[in-house]
């Protein structure tokens, strides 16, 4: 590559971004997944200066002084705070492409049913953060590609994507989504359900991050052969003093029942709306689970029990969405012609 090409970003490596409510992952063409950081930004509220982004900012949640605010700028998979999201994206893109003249093409994963206004917000945030061109791909479709499913065949495949803010169910055939459903329930709702149970049942206030820890330590979507226990430390809401309680996996399971049931219901309703010909294919192939929320203990077994379908986790549930979007970088032109990937709506 010539000096001119290197200096001005010609021949640059394009990237794919899974901009999630919980985490942001970046895939660089030719290198694979190069970044995985929490979608959190810590800012000085008085000056507007960014104090920290990603993992460092997540460590500050609930621990910042009055002048610094650590926030998550996305809600249910879409942008809730444009300015903060743009700064976060600028930081992540700059981490992968430190050369300020490099303006990569970006393939951005978006939730099902995202509105044109929300699409434009994603496009504008990426362009402001340094992208040359932005393409959008729906997360279940990217997840199916990343999981290695042969979605181009005339045979239906089903994907359940449980993310941080949304859960999406899609039946795909011939490279397109035939039937789908999205519910605004995800990993954070599971965390909040645990924290709410502890607060109401044990009158104990605990840190926001403890809900996620308990979810993976002792949480489950179905009965366990041996119940688990964990110690929870926090502030007694009655006395105001520090307090310790022991929490069982049975208690956590009851706390998680409502959000888990909402995801299971979305899967069942999608199956009920699937045409008979595609249903026969799904009976043969089963469903594949992607997204971090699908790692909940017993979740795959719960879906199998509820649907009687073969249910399996993707090889890498946490990264297969961004990996699928990354693979689409290799054939952007062909994907645009097939409508599987699209430019964001034109800005007015």
Protein backbone atom coordinates (compact mmCIF):
# COMPACT_ATOMS: atom_id res chain seq x y z
CA UNK A 1 0.00 0.00 0.00
CA UNK A 2 1.31 3.43 -0.90
CA UNK A 3 2.02 6.14 1.66
CA UNK A 4 -0.92 8.15 0.26
CA UNK A 5 -3.31 5.20 0.63
CA UNK A 6 -2.18 4.52 4.18
CA UNK A 7 -2.20 8.21 5.17
CA UNK A 8 -5.71 8.94 3.95
CA UNK A 9 -7.46 5.69 4.76
CA UNK A 10 -7.67 4.27 1.24
CA UNK A 11 -7.64 0.49 1.58
CA UNK A 12 -8.74 0.83 5.21
CA UNK A 13 -10.26 -2.12 7.04
CA UNK A 14 -14.01 -1.81 7.37
CA UNK A 15 -15.79 -2.76 10.58
CA UNK A 16 -19.03 -4.21 11.90
CA UNK A 17 -20.52 -3.02 15.20
CA UNK A 18 -23.02 -4.73 17.48
CA UNK A 19 -24.21 -1.68 19.43
CA UNK A 20 -26.00 -3.32 22.32
CA UNK A 21 -27.77 -2.07 25.42
CA UNK A 22 -25.31 -4.03 27.56
CA UNK A 23 -22.15 -4.34 25.46
CA UNK A 24 -20.68 -3.04 22.23
CA UNK A 25 -18.62 -5.39 20.06
CA UNK A 26 -16.52 -4.40 17.06
CA UNK A 27 -15.43 -6.73 14.26
CA UNK A 28 -12.64 -5.58 11.95
CA UNK A 29 -12.42 -7.02 8.47
CA UNK A 30 -9.47 -9.40 8.29
CA UNK A 31 -8.96 -9.53 12.07
CA UNK A 32 -12.23 -10.70 13.62
CA UNK A 33 -13.64 -9.40 16.91
CA UNK A 34 -11.22 -6.74 18.14
CA UNK A 35 -13.23 -5.00 20.86
CA UNK A 36 -15.86 -5.97 23.43
CA UNK A 37 -16.74 -3.32 26.01
CA UNK A 38 -19.75 -2.40 28.16
CA UNK A 39 -21.98 0.28 26.58
CA UNK A 40 -21.36 2.74 29.40
CA UNK A 41 -20.05 6.32 29.40
CA UNK A 42 -18.93 8.34 32.43
CA UNK A 43 -19.17 12.09 31.90
CA UNK A 44 -18.54 15.23 33.91
CA UNK A 45 -21.99 16.82 34.16
CA UNK A 46 -20.56 20.30 34.68
CA UNK A 47 -18.12 20.39 31.73
CA UNK A 48 -19.56 17.67 29.48
CA UNK A 49 -16.13 16.05 29.23
CA UNK A 50 -15.99 12.27 28.83
CA UNK A 51 -14.31 10.80 31.88
CA UNK A 52 -14.30 7.11 30.88
CA UNK A 53 -15.88 4.72 28.36
CA UNK A 54 -16.52 0.99 28.43
CA UNK A 55 -15.23 -1.26 31.19
CA UNK A 56 -13.63 1.57 33.13
CA UNK A 57 -16.92 3.50 33.06
CA UNK A 58 -18.92 0.42 34.09
CA UNK A 59 -16.79 0.10 37.25
CA UNK A 60 -17.98 3.61 38.14
CA UNK A 61 -21.72 2.79 38.04
CA UNK A 62 -23.14 3.73 41.43
CA UNK A 63 -19.72 4.88 42.66
CA UNK A 64 -19.29 8.29 41.04
CA UNK A 65 -19.18 11.67 42.85
CA UNK A 66 -21.98 14.15 42.24
CA UNK A 67 -20.12 15.84 39.35
CA UNK A 68 -19.66 12.63 37.32
CA UNK A 69 -22.49 10.59 35.85
CA UNK A 70 -22.01 7.03 34.52
CA UNK A 71 -24.86 6.13 32.16
CA UNK A 72 -25.92 3.66 29.48
CA UNK A 73 -26.94 5.70 26.40
CA UNK A 74 -29.04 2.90 24.84
CA UNK A 75 -32.39 1.56 25.97
CA UNK A 76 -33.93 -1.62 24.54
CA UNK A 77 -31.37 -1.72 21.76
CA UNK A 78 -32.00 1.82 20.44
CA UNK A 79 -30.35 5.17 21.09
CA UNK A 80 -31.78 7.01 24.09
CA UNK A 81 -29.09 9.71 24.32
CA UNK A 82 -27.71 10.69 20.91
CA UNK A 83 -24.78 12.85 22.04
CA UNK A 84 -23.47 10.31 24.54
CA UNK A 85 -23.87 7.46 22.03
CA UNK A 86 -21.92 9.42 19.42
CA UNK A 87 -19.09 10.01 21.87
CA UNK A 88 -19.06 6.35 22.85
CA UNK A 89 -18.94 5.25 19.22
CA UNK A 90 -16.19 7.77 18.46
CA UNK A 91 -14.15 6.29 21.30
CA UNK A 92 -14.66 2.68 20.15
CA UNK A 93 -14.00 3.42 16.47
CA UNK A 94 -10.94 5.45 17.45
CA UNK A 95 -9.66 2.55 19.53
CA UNK A 96 -9.87 0.23 16.53
CA UNK A 97 -8.79 2.89 13.98
CA UNK A 98 -6.43 5.34 15.77
CA UNK A 99 -5.58 6.98 12.42
CA UNK A 100 -7.89 9.98 12.30
CA UNK A 101 -7.88 9.95 8.48
CA UNK A 102 -9.28 6.41 8.39
CA UNK A 103 -13.02 6.52 7.77
CA UNK A 104 -14.24 2.92 7.58
CA UNK A 105 -17.45 1.61 6.12
CA UNK A 106 -19.55 0.39 9.06
CA UNK A 107 -22.10 -2.43 9.14
CA UNK A 108 -24.27 -1.75 12.19
CA UNK A 109 -26.53 -4.33 13.83
CA UNK A 110 -30.01 -3.02 14.68
CA UNK A 111 -33.06 -4.58 16.38
CA UNK A 112 -36.08 -5.88 14.48
CA UNK A 113 -38.82 -3.33 13.91
CA UNK A 114 -36.56 -0.32 14.40
CA UNK A 115 -38.26 2.84 13.10
CA UNK A 116 -36.90 5.10 10.36
CA UNK A 117 -36.24 7.78 12.96
CA UNK A 118 -34.21 5.32 15.04
CA UNK A 119 -32.36 4.15 11.90
CA UNK A 120 -31.42 7.73 11.08
CA UNK A 121 -30.20 8.23 14.64
CA UNK A 122 -27.90 5.20 14.30
CA UNK A 123 -26.66 6.40 10.90
CA UNK A 124 -25.98 9.94 12.11
CA UNK A 125 -24.23 8.76 15.27
CA UNK A 126 -21.92 6.52 13.21
CA UNK A 127 -21.17 9.23 10.64
CA UNK A 128 -20.43 11.78 13.37
CA UNK A 129 -18.18 9.20 15.04
CA UNK A 130 -16.05 8.83 11.92
CA UNK A 131 -17.71 6.36 9.55
CA UNK A 132 -17.48 6.85 5.77
CA UNK A 133 -20.66 4.90 4.99
CA UNK A 134 -23.17 3.05 7.19
CA UNK A 135 -25.12 -0.12 6.40
CA UNK A 136 -27.72 -1.67 8.72
CA UNK A 137 -28.39 -5.37 9.30
CA UNK A 138 -31.05 -6.85 11.58
CA UNK A 139 -29.62 -8.62 14.60
CA UNK A 140 -31.35 -12.02 14.21
CA UNK A 141 -30.19 -12.19 10.59
CA UNK A 142 -26.63 -11.33 11.62
CA UNK A 143 -26.87 -13.89 14.43
CA UNK A 144 -27.96 -16.59 11.99
CA UNK A 145 -25.04 -15.81 9.68
CA UNK A 146 -22.62 -15.80 12.63
CA UNK A 147 -23.99 -19.13 13.86
CA UNK A 148 -23.27 -20.64 10.46
CA UNK A 149 -26.88 -21.37 9.50
CA UNK A 150 -27.51 -21.91 5.75
CA UNK A 151 -30.17 -19.21 5.57
CA UNK A 152 -29.92 -18.88 1.77
CA UNK A 153 -31.48 -22.30 1.29
CA UNK A 154 -35.25 -22.76 0.65
CA UNK A 155 -35.58 -24.28 4.11
CA UNK A 156 -36.61 -22.38 7.23
CA UNK A 157 -34.26 -21.75 10.15
CA UNK A 158 -35.22 -20.22 13.50
CA UNK A 159 -33.10 -17.96 15.69
CA UNK A 160 -33.84 -16.63 19.18
CA UNK A 161 -31.64 -13.65 20.10
CA UNK A 162 -31.75 -12.67 23.78
CA UNK A 163 -29.85 -9.40 24.15
CA UNK A 164 -29.42 -6.92 26.96
CA UNK A 165 -32.50 -4.84 26.19
CA UNK A 166 -34.55 -6.84 23.68
CA UNK A 167 -35.30 -10.45 22.76
CA UNK A 168 -36.00 -11.21 19.12
CA UNK A 169 -37.36 -14.32 17.44
CA UNK A 170 -37.05 -14.81 13.69
CA UNK A 171 -37.83 -17.51 11.15
CA UNK A 172 -35.65 -17.15 8.04
CA UNK A 173 -35.72 -18.71 4.60
CA UNK A 174 -34.09 -17.83 1.26
CA UNK A 175 -31.92 -15.22 2.95
CA UNK A 176 -34.76 -13.15 4.43
CA UNK A 177 -36.88 -13.00 7.57
CA UNK A 178 -40.30 -14.57 6.98
CA UNK A 179 -41.83 -14.32 10.47
CA UNK A 180 -40.53 -12.41 13.47
CA UNK A 181 -41.39 -10.96 16.84
CA UNK A 182 -39.54 -8.64 19.20
CA UNK A 183 -40.17 -8.02 22.89
CA UNK A 184 -38.50 -5.36 24.96
CA UNK A 185 -37.32 -7.84 27.55
CA UNK A 186 -33.68 -8.86 27.86
CA UNK A 187 -30.79 -9.44 30.18
CA UNK A 188 -31.25 -6.16 32.04
CA UNK A 189 -34.85 -7.00 32.81
CA UNK A 190 -33.64 -10.26 34.34
CA UNK A 191 -31.14 -8.32 36.46
CA UNK A 192 -33.77 -5.81 37.55
CA UNK A 193 -36.19 -8.61 38.47
CA UNK A 194 -33.61 -10.08 40.84
CA UNK A 195 -32.86 -6.70 42.43
CA UNK A 196 -36.59 -6.00 42.80
CA UNK A 197 -37.16 -9.34 44.52
CA UNK A 198 -34.32 -8.72 46.99
CA UNK A 199 -35.68 -5.27 47.75
CA UNK A 200 -39.29 -6.39 48.25
CA UNK A 201 -38.73 -9.75 49.92
CA UNK A 202 -35.64 -9.07 52.03
CA UNK A 203 -35.91 -5.27 52.36
CA UNK A 204 -32.33 -4.97 51.14
CA UNK A 205 -30.83 -2.44 48.73
CA UNK A 206 -27.86 -3.76 46.73
CA UNK A 207 -25.67 -2.42 43.93
CA UNK A 208 -27.01 -2.55 40.37
CA UNK A 209 -24.21 -4.84 39.20
CA UNK A 210 -25.04 -7.49 41.79
CA UNK A 211 -28.21 -8.49 39.94
CA UNK A 212 -26.21 -9.62 36.91
CA UNK A 213 -23.73 -11.47 39.10
CA UNK A 214 -26.50 -13.36 40.90
CA UNK A 215 -28.17 -14.20 37.58
CA UNK A 216 -25.11 -16.14 36.47
CA UNK A 217 -24.12 -17.44 39.91
CA UNK A 218 -27.43 -19.04 40.91
CA UNK A 219 -30.07 -17.95 38.38
CA UNK A 220 -31.95 -20.45 36.24
CA UNK A 221 -34.96 -20.72 33.95
CA UNK A 222 -36.00 -24.11 35.30
CA UNK A 223 -35.54 -26.46 38.28
CA UNK A 224 -32.02 -27.53 39.21
CA UNK A 225 -30.87 -30.95 40.37
CA UNK A 226 -29.25 -29.25 43.34
CA UNK A 227 -30.33 -25.83 44.55
CA UNK A 228 -27.61 -23.17 44.83
CA UNK A 229 -27.07 -20.39 47.35
CA UNK A 230 -25.29 -17.04 47.39
CA UNK A 231 -24.55 -14.38 49.99
CA UNK A 232 -25.93 -10.93 49.28
CA UNK A 233 -24.62 -7.84 51.06
CA UNK A 234 -26.33 -4.47 51.04
CA UNK A 235 -28.13 -1.83 53.07
CA UNK A 236 -31.14 -2.70 55.19
CA UNK A 237 -34.01 -0.50 54.02
CA UNK A 238 -35.55 -0.48 57.53
CA UNK A 239 -32.56 0.18 59.76
CA UNK A 240 -30.26 1.76 57.20
CA UNK A 241 -27.42 -0.47 58.41
CA UNK A 242 -25.31 -2.96 56.42
CA UNK A 243 -26.95 -6.38 56.19
CA UNK A 244 -26.22 -9.84 54.75
CA UNK A 245 -28.84 -12.34 53.51
CA UNK A 246 -28.58 -15.76 51.91
CA UNK A 247 -30.40 -16.07 48.60
CA UNK A 248 -31.38 -19.41 47.06
CA UNK A 249 -31.57 -20.33 43.38
CA UNK A 250 -35.23 -21.16 43.95
CA UNK A 251 -35.90 -17.55 45.00
CA UNK A 252 -34.00 -16.18 42.00
CA UNK A 253 -35.88 -18.53 39.68
CA UNK A 254 -39.21 -17.20 40.96
CA UNK A 255 -37.96 -13.64 40.48
CA UNK A 256 -36.97 -14.40 36.87
CA UNK A 257 -40.20 -16.18 35.96
CA UNK A 258 -42.06 -13.15 34.59
CA UNK A 259 -39.37 -11.92 32.12
CA UNK A 260 -38.43 -15.48 31.13
CA UNK A 261 -42.10 -16.24 30.49
CA UNK A 262 -42.36 -13.15 28.26
CA UNK A 263 -39.51 -14.44 26.06
CA UNK A 264 -40.96 -17.96 25.93
CA UNK A 265 -44.36 -16.51 24.96
CA UNK A 266 -42.73 -14.56 22.10
CA UNK A 267 -41.19 -17.80 20.81
CA UNK A 268 -44.52 -19.65 21.01
CA UNK A 269 -46.43 -16.83 19.29
CA UNK A 270 -43.86 -16.72 16.47
CA UNK A 271 -44.27 -20.46 15.95
CA UNK A 272 -48.06 -20.07 15.90
CA UNK A 273 -47.79 -17.49 13.09
CA UNK A 274 -45.34 -19.53 11.02
CA UNK A 275 -46.77 -21.06 7.79
CA UNK A 276 -47.10 -24.87 7.86
CA UNK A 277 -44.40 -25.44 5.24
CA UNK A 278 -41.87 -23.48 7.31
CA UNK A 279 -43.06 -25.12 10.54
CA UNK A 280 -42.15 -28.51 9.09
CA UNK A 281 -38.60 -27.25 8.45
CA UNK A 282 -38.31 -25.89 11.99
CA UNK A 283 -39.50 -29.20 13.40
CA UNK A 284 -36.62 -30.83 11.55
CA UNK A 285 -33.91 -28.27 12.29
CA UNK A 286 -34.97 -26.88 15.68
CA UNK A 287 -33.95 -23.42 16.89
CA UNK A 288 -30.60 -21.78 17.66
CA UNK A 289 -30.08 -19.40 20.60
CA UNK A 290 -27.77 -16.39 20.37
CA UNK A 291 -27.10 -13.39 22.61
CA UNK A 292 -25.72 -13.22 26.14
CA UNK A 293 -29.13 -13.68 27.78
CA UNK A 294 -29.44 -17.16 26.27
CA UNK A 295 -26.62 -18.29 28.56
CA UNK A 296 -29.00 -18.28 31.54
CA UNK A 297 -28.80 -21.69 33.18
CA UNK A 298 -31.59 -23.96 31.95
CA UNK A 299 -32.95 -21.51 29.37
CA UNK A 300 -32.40 -23.81 26.38
CA UNK A 301 -34.01 -26.69 28.27
CA UNK A 302 -36.97 -24.48 29.19
CA UNK A 303 -37.58 -23.59 25.54
CA UNK A 304 -37.32 -27.26 24.56
CA UNK A 305 -39.87 -28.23 27.21
CA UNK A 306 -42.26 -25.47 26.11
CA UNK A 307 -42.00 -26.04 22.33
CA UNK A 308 -40.82 -29.66 21.98
CA UNK A 309 -38.25 -28.44 19.45
CA UNK A 310 -34.55 -29.23 19.39
CA UNK A 311 -32.94 -26.19 21.04
CA UNK A 312 -29.22 -25.48 20.99
CA UNK A 313 -26.86 -22.65 21.83
CA UNK A 314 -24.71 -21.15 19.10
CA UNK A 315 -21.01 -21.91 19.46
CA UNK A 316 -20.34 -18.34 20.60
CA UNK A 317 -23.63 -16.71 21.68
CA UNK A 318 -21.96 -13.49 22.83
CA UNK A 319 -20.13 -12.76 19.57
CA UNK A 320 -22.00 -14.51 16.76
CA UNK A 321 -24.18 -11.43 15.97
CA UNK A 322 -21.18 -9.17 15.32
CA UNK A 323 -19.35 -12.03 13.59
CA UNK A 324 -22.30 -12.44 11.22
CA UNK A 325 -22.35 -8.71 10.53
CA UNK A 326 -18.59 -8.90 9.97
CA UNK A 327 -18.96 -11.66 7.42
CA UNK A 328 -21.46 -9.52 5.55
CA UNK A 329 -18.65 -7.00 4.97
CA UNK A 330 -17.23 -9.44 2.44
CA UNK A 331 -20.32 -9.20 0.22
CA UNK A 332 -21.98 -5.85 0.91
CA UNK A 333 -22.96 -5.29 -2.73
CA UNK A 334 -24.67 -8.68 -3.04
CA UNK A 335 -26.45 -8.22 0.30
CA UNK A 336 -27.74 -4.79 -0.74
CA UNK A 337 -29.23 -6.29 -3.90
CA UNK A 338 -30.99 -8.97 -1.84
CA UNK A 339 -32.31 -6.40 0.70
CA UNK A 340 -30.67 -8.30 3.57
CA UNK A 341 -28.58 -5.26 4.35
CA UNK A 342 -29.50 -1.65 3.70
CA UNK A 343 -28.34 1.92 3.92
CA UNK A 344 -30.00 3.96 6.61
CA UNK A 345 -32.86 6.23 5.43
CA UNK A 346 -31.71 9.47 3.88
CA UNK A 347 -31.31 12.33 6.30
CA UNK A 348 -33.57 15.31 5.75
